[in-house]
Amino acid sequence: TALKLYEVDNGVFPTTEEGLGALLTVPSSAKNWKGPYLEKTPLDPWGNPYHYKSPGTQRSDYDLSSIGRDGTEGSSDDVTNWGQ
């Protein structure tokens, strides 16, 4: 939801380089930033940072993923916004 609100306000999603931090602090590229869109840096349910890439390689807008409970990227418990 926070990413979508950012996109509605600014016309684009944050870049990979700006990352999810753009939801907390105004990045230099933002044209109409009305945040913060989150209260703190988002962590997955296991306390790990999310992986964010925009534009995405799995989806055209952005890829958002978690390495899951086992902490290993690419394993069967990964959680992504593009499915498995």
Protein backbone atom coordinates (compact mmCIF):
# COMPACT_ATOMS: atom_id res chain seq x y z
CA THR A 1 0.00 0.00 0.00
CA ALA A 2 2.82 2.43 0.85
CA LEU A 3 4.51 1.81 -2.49
CA LYS A 4 1.26 2.41 -4.35
CA LEU A 5 0.64 5.67 -2.46
CA TYR A 6 4.15 6.81 -3.34
CA GLU A 7 3.50 5.97 -6.99
CA VAL A 8 0.16 7.82 -7.01
CA ASP A 9 1.82 10.94 -5.57
CA ASN A 10 5.00 10.87 -7.68
CA GLY A 11 3.98 9.11 -10.87
CA VAL A 12 6.63 6.40 -10.49
CA PHE A 13 7.81 3.89 -7.91
CA PRO A 14 11.06 4.55 -6.04
CA THR A 15 14.12 3.37 -7.95
CA THR A 16 16.17 0.41 -6.79
CA GLU A 17 18.84 2.81 -5.56
CA GLU A 18 16.32 4.85 -3.54
CA GLY A 19 14.84 1.64 -2.20
CA LEU A 20 12.18 1.43 0.45
CA GLY A 21 13.92 4.29 2.27
CA ALA A 22 12.11 6.59 -0.19
CA LEU A 23 8.94 5.75 1.73
CA LEU A 24 10.45 7.27 4.88
CA THR A 25 12.57 10.18 3.64
CA VAL A 26 12.04 12.30 0.56
CA PRO A 27 14.41 11.27 -2.24
CA SER A 28 15.80 13.93 -4.58
CA SER A 29 13.85 12.52 -7.55
CA ALA A 30 10.41 12.78 -5.91
CA LYS A 31 8.19 15.34 -7.61
CA ASN A 32 5.22 15.36 -5.21
CA TRP A 33 6.34 13.47 -2.09
CA LYS A 34 3.64 13.52 0.61
CA GLY A 35 5.20 11.05 3.01
CA PRO A 36 6.36 9.56 5.11
CA TYR A 37 4.43 6.60 3.75
CA LEU A 38 5.68 4.33 6.55
CA GLU A 39 6.59 4.95 10.19
CA LYS A 40 9.76 2.81 10.15
CA THR A 41 11.89 0.68 7.85
CA PRO A 42 9.84 -2.37 6.92
CA LEU A 43 11.12 -5.77 7.98
CA ASP A 44 9.67 -9.14 7.08
CA PRO A 45 8.03 -11.26 9.81
CA TRP A 46 11.44 -12.82 10.60
CA GLY A 47 13.15 -9.46 11.15
CA ASN A 48 14.96 -9.32 7.80
CA PRO A 49 14.90 -6.42 5.36
CA TYR A 50 12.82 -6.83 2.22
CA HIS A 51 14.56 -7.00 -1.16
CA TYR A 52 13.26 -4.31 -3.52
CA LYS A 53 14.02 -3.69 -7.20
CA SER A 54 12.37 -1.20 -9.55
CA PRO A 55 11.86 -1.61 -12.35
CA GLY A 56 11.50 -5.28 -11.58
CA THR A 57 12.71 -8.29 -13.50
CA GLN A 58 9.80 -10.51 -12.46
CA ARG A 59 7.16 -7.77 -12.70
CA SER A 60 7.41 -4.62 -14.77
CA ASP A 61 6.74 -2.16 -11.93
CA TYR A 62 8.75 -3.54 -8.99
CA ASP A 63 9.88 -6.77 -7.36
CA LEU A 64 9.48 -7.12 -3.59
CA SER A 65 10.63 -10.23 -1.77
CA SER A 66 11.59 -11.76 1.56
CA ILE A 67 14.12 -14.54 2.08
CA GLY A 68 11.66 -16.26 4.40
CA ARG A 69 12.09 -18.07 7.67
CA ASP A 70 15.23 -19.99 6.67
CA GLY A 71 17.10 -16.80 5.67
CA THR A 72 18.27 -18.35 2.39
CA GLU A 73 17.50 -16.57 -0.86
CA GLY A 74 16.05 -18.80 -3.55
CA SER A 75 14.64 -21.44 -1.21
CA SER A 76 11.06 -22.71 -1.12
CA ASP A 77 9.97 -20.44 1.75
CA ASP A 78 10.79 -17.17 -0.01
CA VAL A 79 7.86 -14.74 -0.18
CA THR A 80 7.53 -12.61 -3.31
CA ASN A 81 5.05 -10.30 -5.02
CA TRP A 82 5.31 -12.36 -8.22
CA GLY A 83 4.44 -15.82 -6.89
CA GLN A 84 6.51 -18.97 -7.01
